[in-house]
Protein backbone atom coordinates (compact mmCIF):
# COMPACT_ATOMS: atom_id res chain seq x y z
CA MET A 1 77.67 17.11 -31.95
CA ASN A 2 80.05 17.14 -28.95
CA LYS A 3 79.90 19.97 -26.47
CA SER A 4 83.14 21.89 -26.03
CA ARG A 5 84.33 21.95 -22.43
CA LEU A 6 86.42 25.06 -22.98
CA PHE A 7 83.55 26.96 -24.59
CA ALA A 8 81.23 25.92 -21.76
CA PHE A 9 83.77 27.15 -19.21
CA LEU A 10 84.12 30.52 -20.93
CA LEU A 11 80.35 30.92 -21.14
CA ALA A 12 80.14 30.19 -17.41
CA PHE A 13 81.74 33.57 -16.69
CA ILE A 14 78.24 34.88 -17.42
CA PRO A 15 76.23 33.03 -14.74
CA GLY A 16 73.85 30.48 -16.23
CA PHE A 17 74.99 30.60 -19.85
CA GLY A 18 77.48 27.76 -19.54
CA HIS A 19 74.90 25.48 -17.92
CA ILE A 20 72.31 26.32 -20.56
CA TYR A 21 74.90 25.44 -23.21
CA LEU A 22 75.25 22.01 -21.56
CA ASN A 23 71.44 21.57 -21.63
CA ARG A 24 71.18 22.10 -17.87
CA LYS A 25 68.54 24.72 -18.46
CA VAL A 26 66.88 24.80 -15.05
CA ARG A 27 70.16 25.31 -13.22
CA GLY A 28 71.30 27.85 -15.78
CA VAL A 29 68.11 29.90 -15.46
CA LEU A 30 68.37 29.87 -11.66
CA TYR A 31 71.96 31.07 -11.71
CA GLY A 32 71.21 33.73 -14.30
CA LEU A 33 68.12 35.10 -12.55
CA GLY A 34 69.82 35.04 -9.15
CA PHE A 35 72.86 36.93 -10.41
CA ALA A 36 70.88 39.49 -12.42
CA GLY A 37 68.40 39.97 -9.57
CA SER A 38 71.19 40.57 -7.07
CA LEU A 39 72.79 43.18 -9.31
CA GLY A 40 69.44 44.88 -9.84
CA LEU A 41 68.80 44.92 -6.10
CA ALA A 42 72.25 46.40 -5.50
CA PHE A 43 71.57 49.14 -8.06
CA ILE A 44 68.23 50.03 -6.45
CA LEU A 45 69.74 50.08 -2.96
CA ALA A 46 72.60 52.28 -4.17
CA ILE A 47 70.06 54.83 -5.45
CA LEU A 48 67.68 54.76 -2.50
CA PHE A 49 70.24 54.34 0.27
CA PRO A 50 73.57 55.96 -0.70
CA TYR A 51 75.49 54.17 2.02
CA ASN A 52 76.87 50.65 2.29
CA ASP A 53 73.56 48.76 2.14
CA PHE A 54 74.03 47.86 -1.52
CA LEU A 55 77.27 46.03 -0.69
CA ILE A 56 75.24 43.16 0.75
CA ALA A 57 73.50 42.64 -2.58
CA LEU A 58 76.84 42.88 -4.40
CA LEU A 59 78.30 40.23 -2.13
CA LEU A 60 75.28 38.05 -2.84
CA ALA A 61 75.82 38.46 -6.59
CA LEU A 62 79.50 37.62 -6.15
CA GLY A 63 78.60 34.53 -4.16
CA ILE A 64 76.19 33.34 -6.86
CA TRP A 65 78.86 33.89 -9.51
CA MET A 66 81.43 31.90 -7.54
CA VAL A 67 79.00 29.03 -6.91
CA ASN A 68 78.13 29.04 -10.61
CA MET A 69 81.80 28.80 -11.60
CA PHE A 70 82.56 26.14 -8.99
CA ASP A 71 79.59 24.07 -10.15
CA MET A 72 80.73 24.37 -13.77
CA VAL A 73 84.30 23.31 -12.99
CA ILE A 74 83.11 20.31 -10.97
CA THR A 75 80.73 19.33 -13.75
CA LEU A 76 83.38 19.53 -16.45
CA LEU A 77 86.05 17.72 -14.46
CA SER A 78 83.71 14.94 -13.38
CA GLY A 79 83.02 14.11 -17.02
CA SER A 80 79.25 14.44 -16.61
CA VAL A 81 78.94 16.67 -19.64
CA VAL A 82 76.07 15.61 -21.78
CA VAL A 83 77.43 14.42 -25.09
CA GLN A 84 75.02 14.43 -27.96
CA ARG A 85 75.37 13.00 -31.39
CA GLU A 86 73.76 14.42 -34.47
CA GLN A 87 71.24 11.58 -34.41
CA GLY A 88 70.50 12.31 -30.74
CA ILE A 89 71.71 8.85 -29.62
CA LEU A 90 74.41 8.48 -26.96
CA GLU A 91 77.23 6.16 -27.88
CA SER A 92 77.48 3.43 -25.25
CA ASP A 93 80.71 1.67 -26.25
CA ARG A 94 83.70 3.80 -27.09
CA ASN A 95 86.80 2.40 -28.61
CA GLN A 96 90.23 3.05 -27.19
CA ASN A 97 91.02 5.89 -29.59
CA GLN A 98 87.87 7.72 -28.57
CA GLN A 99 88.69 7.25 -24.89
CA LYS A 100 92.19 8.55 -25.47
CA ARG A 101 90.85 11.63 -27.22
CA ASP A 102 88.44 12.22 -24.36
CA GLU A 103 91.25 11.95 -21.82
CA GLU A 104 93.41 14.38 -23.79
CA SER A 105 90.49 16.77 -24.10
CA GLN A 106 89.80 16.63 -20.38
CA ASP A 107 93.48 17.06 -19.55
CA ARG A 108 93.70 20.00 -21.96
CA PHE A 109 90.70 21.64 -20.35
CA LEU A 110 92.10 21.13 -16.85
CA THR A 111 95.45 22.61 -17.87
CA ILE A 112 93.82 25.70 -19.38
CA VAL A 113 91.66 26.20 -16.29
CA LEU A 114 94.67 25.92 -14.00
CA SER A 115 96.65 28.35 -16.17
CA PHE A 116 94.27 31.15 -15.17
CA ILE A 117 96.55 31.36 -12.13
CA PRO A 118 99.99 32.19 -13.58
CA GLY A 119 102.36 29.25 -13.22
CA VAL A 120 99.85 26.65 -12.00
CA GLY A 121 99.21 25.37 -15.53
CA HIS A 122 102.96 24.87 -15.93
CA PHE A 123 103.01 22.89 -12.68
CA HIS A 124 100.35 20.59 -14.14
CA LEU A 125 102.55 20.04 -17.20
CA GLY A 126 105.48 19.12 -14.96
CA LEU A 127 107.38 22.35 -15.65
CA ASN A 128 107.90 23.32 -12.03
CA TYR A 129 110.77 25.76 -12.52
CA ARG A 130 109.04 27.61 -15.35
CA GLY A 131 105.78 27.72 -13.41
CA LEU A 132 107.56 29.01 -10.32
CA THR A 133 109.04 31.81 -12.43
CA PHE A 134 105.61 32.99 -13.56
CA LEU A 135 103.97 32.57 -10.16
CA THR A 136 106.76 34.37 -8.31
CA GLY A 137 106.89 37.15 -10.87
CA PHE A 138 103.13 37.73 -10.77
CA LEU A 139 102.70 37.59 -6.99
CA GLY A 140 106.02 39.32 -6.31
CA LEU A 141 105.25 42.26 -8.58
CA GLY A 142 101.77 42.68 -7.12
CA THR A 143 103.07 42.49 -3.55
CA MET A 144 105.91 44.92 -4.21
CA ILE A 145 103.60 47.46 -5.87
CA LEU A 146 101.17 47.26 -2.95
CA PHE A 147 103.99 47.50 -0.40
CA VAL A 148 105.65 50.53 -2.04
CA THR A 149 102.30 52.28 -2.52
CA ILE A 150 101.35 51.84 1.14
CA LEU A 151 104.85 52.69 2.39
CA THR A 152 105.20 55.90 0.38
CA SER A 153 101.49 56.86 0.36
CA GLN A 154 101.90 57.61 -3.35
CA PRO A 155 99.05 56.14 -5.44
CA GLY A 156 101.04 56.91 -8.58
CA PHE A 157 102.95 53.65 -8.12
CA LEU A 158 99.72 51.79 -8.91
CA ILE A 159 100.40 52.50 -12.59
CA PHE A 160 102.80 49.53 -12.48
CA VAL A 161 99.79 47.27 -11.89
CA LEU A 162 99.49 47.32 -15.69
CA GLY A 163 102.36 44.85 -15.71
CA LEU A 164 100.23 42.19 -14.00
CA PRO A 165 97.84 41.51 -16.92
CA ILE A 166 100.86 41.35 -19.24
CA ILE A 167 102.39 38.57 -17.13
CA TRP A 168 98.99 36.85 -16.86
CA ILE A 169 98.33 36.87 -20.61
CA TYR A 170 101.87 35.74 -21.43
CA SER A 171 101.63 32.89 -18.91
CA LEU A 172 98.26 31.77 -20.29
CA PHE A 173 99.38 31.65 -23.92
CA ASP A 174 102.71 30.09 -22.96
CA THR A 175 100.84 27.28 -21.21
CA ILE A 176 98.63 26.67 -24.25
CA GLN A 177 101.66 26.64 -26.56
CA LEU A 178 103.53 24.16 -24.37
CA LEU A 179 100.40 22.01 -24.07
CA ASN A 180 100.14 21.80 -27.86
CA LYS A 181 103.78 20.76 -28.06
CA GLN A 182 103.25 18.06 -25.45
CA GLN A 183 100.20 16.64 -27.22
CA ASN A 184 102.16 16.62 -30.48
CA GLY A 185 104.76 14.39 -28.85
CA GLU A 186 107.48 17.01 -28.42
CA GLU A 187 109.70 16.96 -25.35
CA LEU A 188 109.27 19.92 -23.00
CA MET A 189 112.24 21.58 -21.32
CA ASP A 190 111.75 22.93 -17.81
CA ARG A 191 113.50 26.28 -18.09
CA SER A 192 112.61 29.87 -17.32
CA ILE A 193 111.53 32.43 -19.89
CA MET A 194 114.84 34.26 -19.42
CA GLU A 195 116.67 31.16 -20.61
CA ASP A 196 114.40 31.15 -23.66
CA PHE A 197 115.37 34.75 -24.38
CA GLU A 198 119.05 33.92 -23.98
CA GLN A 199 118.77 30.96 -26.34
CA HIS A 200 116.88 33.04 -28.88
CA ARG A 201 119.47 35.79 -28.64
CA ALA A 202 122.35 33.35 -29.05
CA SER A 203 120.79 31.65 -32.05
CA GLU A 204 119.16 34.53 -33.90
CA GLY A 205 120.79 37.63 -32.42
CA LYS A 206 118.99 40.60 -30.94
CA SER A 207 115.26 40.73 -31.52
CA LYS A 208 113.92 43.80 -33.31
CA ALA A 209 110.63 43.53 -31.46
CA ILE A 210 112.31 43.48 -28.03
CA THR A 211 114.55 46.39 -29.01
CA THR A 212 111.56 48.42 -30.16
CA VAL A 213 109.58 47.73 -26.98
CA LEU A 214 112.52 48.49 -24.68
CA SER A 215 113.28 51.68 -26.61
CA ILE A 216 110.06 53.16 -25.27
CA PHE A 217 112.12 53.93 -22.17
CA PRO A 218 115.20 55.95 -23.25
CA GLY A 219 118.41 53.98 -23.00
CA ALA A 220 116.88 50.56 -22.30
CA GLY A 221 116.97 49.50 -25.95
CA HIS A 222 120.64 50.48 -26.21
CA MET A 223 121.50 48.45 -23.11
CA TYR A 224 119.73 45.44 -24.62
CA LEU A 225 121.97 45.80 -27.68
CA GLY A 226 125.04 45.89 -25.44
CA LEU A 227 125.64 49.64 -25.85
CA GLN A 228 125.95 50.30 -22.13
CA LYS A 229 127.66 53.70 -22.22
CA ARG A 230 125.32 55.13 -24.82
CA GLY A 231 122.23 53.73 -23.13
CA LEU A 232 123.30 54.89 -19.68
CA GLN A 233 123.87 58.44 -20.90
CA LEU A 234 120.48 58.58 -22.57
CA MET A 235 118.70 57.14 -19.54
CA ILE A 236 120.42 59.48 -17.08
CA GLY A 237 119.94 62.45 -19.40
CA PHE A 238 116.22 61.76 -19.77
CA LEU A 239 115.50 61.25 -16.07
CA LEU A 240 117.85 64.00 -14.91
CA SER A 241 116.37 66.52 -17.32
CA ILE A 242 112.87 65.86 -16.00
CA TYR A 243 114.02 66.17 -12.40
CA ILE A 244 116.16 69.28 -12.86
CA LEU A 245 113.62 71.13 -15.00
CA ASP A 246 110.97 70.43 -12.40
CA ALA A 247 113.21 71.34 -9.45
CA LEU A 248 114.48 74.56 -11.05
CA ARG A 249 111.04 75.35 -12.48
CA ILE A 250 112.58 76.03 -15.90
CA SER A 251 109.57 75.48 -18.13
CA LEU A 252 111.33 77.08 -21.08
CA PHE A 253 113.49 73.98 -21.60
CA LEU A 254 110.73 71.40 -21.23
CA PHE A 255 110.97 70.80 -24.98
CA LEU A 256 114.23 68.95 -24.27
CA VAL A 257 112.34 66.03 -22.71
CA PRO A 258 110.49 64.92 -25.90
CA VAL A 259 113.61 65.71 -27.96
CA ILE A 260 115.69 63.29 -25.85
CA TRP A 261 112.94 60.67 -26.03
CA PHE A 262 112.58 60.78 -29.81
CA PHE A 263 116.35 60.83 -30.30
CA SER A 264 116.78 57.81 -28.04
CA PHE A 265 113.95 55.86 -29.68
CA PHE A 266 115.05 56.29 -33.28
CA ASP A 267 118.73 55.96 -32.40
CA ALA A 268 117.98 52.57 -30.83
CA LEU A 269 116.27 51.43 -34.04
CA GLN A 270 119.24 52.64 -36.05
CA GLN A 271 121.67 50.86 -33.74
CA GLN A 272 119.62 47.68 -34.15
CA SER A 273 120.14 47.85 -37.91
CA ARG A 274 123.86 48.42 -37.40
CA HIS A 275 124.02 45.55 -34.94
CA GLU A 276 122.65 43.16 -37.56
CA ILE A 277 125.55 43.93 -39.88
CA GLY A 278 128.11 44.08 -37.06
CA GLU A 279 128.75 47.83 -37.14
CA ALA A 280 127.19 48.88 -33.82
CA LYS A 281 129.71 50.63 -31.55
CA ASP A 282 129.24 51.75 -27.97
CA VAL A 283 130.10 55.41 -28.60
CA PRO A 284 128.88 57.82 -25.89
CA ILE A 285 126.41 60.47 -26.99
CA ILE A 286 128.43 63.20 -25.30
CA GLY A 287 132.10 62.34 -25.38
CA TYR A 288 133.02 65.73 -23.95
CA PHE A 289 132.21 64.74 -20.37
CA ALA A 290 134.26 61.57 -20.67
CA ASN A 291 137.35 63.68 -21.44
CA HIS A 292 136.50 66.57 -19.13
CA GLN A 293 135.38 64.98 -15.90
CA ARG A 294 136.48 68.06 -13.97
CA TRP A 295 133.72 70.15 -15.49
CA LEU A 296 131.22 67.43 -14.77
CA GLY A 297 132.33 67.41 -11.15
CA ILE A 298 132.01 71.21 -10.96
CA GLY A 299 128.49 70.96 -12.37
CA LEU A 300 127.49 68.39 -9.76
CA ILE A 301 128.93 70.56 -6.97
CA VAL A 302 127.01 73.60 -8.22
CA LEU A 303 123.84 71.53 -8.43
CA GLY A 304 124.34 70.28 -4.88
CA ILE A 305 124.87 73.83 -3.59
CA PHE A 306 121.68 74.91 -5.31
CA PHE A 307 119.65 72.19 -3.60
CA ILE A 308 121.14 73.14 -0.23
CA VAL A 309 120.10 76.75 -0.77
CA ASP A 310 116.71 75.87 -2.18
CA SER A 311 115.72 73.16 0.29
CA ILE A 312 117.46 74.24 3.50
CA LEU A 313 118.77 77.81 3.60
CA MET A 314 115.86 79.62 1.96
CA PRO A 315 113.09 77.95 4.02
CA VAL A 316 115.05 78.45 7.26
CA PHE A 317 116.62 81.89 6.82
CA GLY A 318 114.36 83.45 4.18
CA ARG A 319 111.94 85.05 6.64
CA TYR A 320 114.78 86.24 8.89
CA MET A 321 116.57 87.93 5.97
CA THR A 322 113.32 89.58 4.92
CA GLU A 323 112.90 91.10 8.39
CA VAL A 324 116.52 92.28 8.55
CA PHE A 325 116.93 93.74 5.06
CA GLN A 326 113.26 94.67 4.55
CA ILE A 327 113.36 92.88 1.21
CA ASP A 328 111.32 89.84 0.31
CA ILE A 329 114.26 87.64 -0.63
CA ARG A 330 112.08 84.62 -1.29
CA PHE A 331 109.96 86.52 -3.79
CA TYR A 332 112.98 87.58 -5.87
CA TYR A 333 114.48 84.12 -5.51
CA GLN A 334 111.39 82.36 -6.83
CA ARG A 335 110.55 85.03 -9.40
CA TYR A 336 113.91 85.62 -11.06
CA LEU A 337 115.86 82.41 -10.47
CA GLN A 338 114.42 80.72 -13.55
CA LEU A 339 115.24 83.70 -15.75
CA ALA A 340 118.76 83.97 -14.33
CA VAL A 341 119.51 80.29 -14.92
CA VAL A 342 118.22 80.46 -18.49
CA CYS A 343 120.32 83.54 -19.21
CA LEU A 344 123.47 81.96 -17.78
CA LEU A 345 122.92 78.79 -19.80
CA LEU A 346 122.43 80.73 -23.02
CA ILE A 347 125.47 82.92 -22.38
CA GLY A 348 127.62 79.93 -21.44
CA GLY A 349 126.50 78.00 -24.51
CA GLY A 350 127.23 80.97 -26.74
CA ILE A 351 130.72 81.43 -25.29
CA ARG A 352 131.43 77.72 -25.73
CA LEU A 353 130.38 77.87 -29.38
CA LEU A 354 132.51 80.97 -30.00
CA MET A 355 135.55 79.34 -28.44
CA GLY A 356 135.02 76.22 -30.50
CA SER A 357 134.63 78.09 -33.78
CA LYS A 358 137.67 80.21 -32.99
CA GLY A 359 139.77 77.11 -32.44
CA LYS A 360 138.61 75.66 -35.75
CA ASP A 361 139.43 78.89 -37.57
CA LYS A 362 142.98 78.86 -36.20
CA GLY A 363 143.38 75.24 -37.18
CA GLY A 364 142.23 76.06 -40.71
CA GLU A 365 144.66 78.96 -41.03
CA ASP A 366 147.57 76.79 -39.95
């Protein structure tokens, strides 16, 4: 039976196995023993000499792995794969159909190998613009993450590296899908994935899957559905609540963060259902601020004054005031500020509810 080039290539990721699969047993055993021996030597050196001596053995193992992969790729592309028939006899004269199938198989293998670098497989298919989109997105995201991490000295930004394998996997499967279409005689269009999304949205409406995925981040799903005001309020409310609760050290209201998240997630799913029947409306979550911008402005001013006091005045004048008044101002500030803010919020909320209920009662009497 014929040996699969793709299967041989995948086996080659374990040094020696791909060559053994192609009946190149001596070369496969040498690669396998060399790689395993180098790893074993590195492990022993790491135990006996806990410094950088084991790195030499690791580099040797890496070199053997790279030579093994390079040898496999050259072997597969050169067409020197041993082809066996069930009777063990090599076919000397192939007809044109068999040659065509071999060429398609070799071209398919080459395309899949090239697609391991996002965008390069698309270049091989002649889809330069689409390939450039994947290549730029992959390299650009990786470069930006590295740049921001080094610039800010915050390793937390490395969490966005998780986006790289998503782009890589999507690019790989997109290449395979387009390759199948090409071999089936379909015409390929050189367009970016964003144009595909736009075409899908125009023809079939908003995707439930995309809405669900975007709804993981509060407000993003609403913006995808075109509900900009509602989504913007949810996004700002979620991020601002995290920042303010952390800055004011008000742990009592931390329950608001998951409440906002769950509300945003399920509201996005509900709005998706309404969008399908044409009933989705961009109604703000909190219409009060839209009609009372003065109070919103006052709140922002108060918040700005607080940050001036907390970040500038207290660190600069706190010690001086302690020496003058013989009172540890900073202690009372840090100890009772949280309690004071909570009390004021509860009192203000209660007064607002009483005023609202009183207005309703008067309206009912009239």
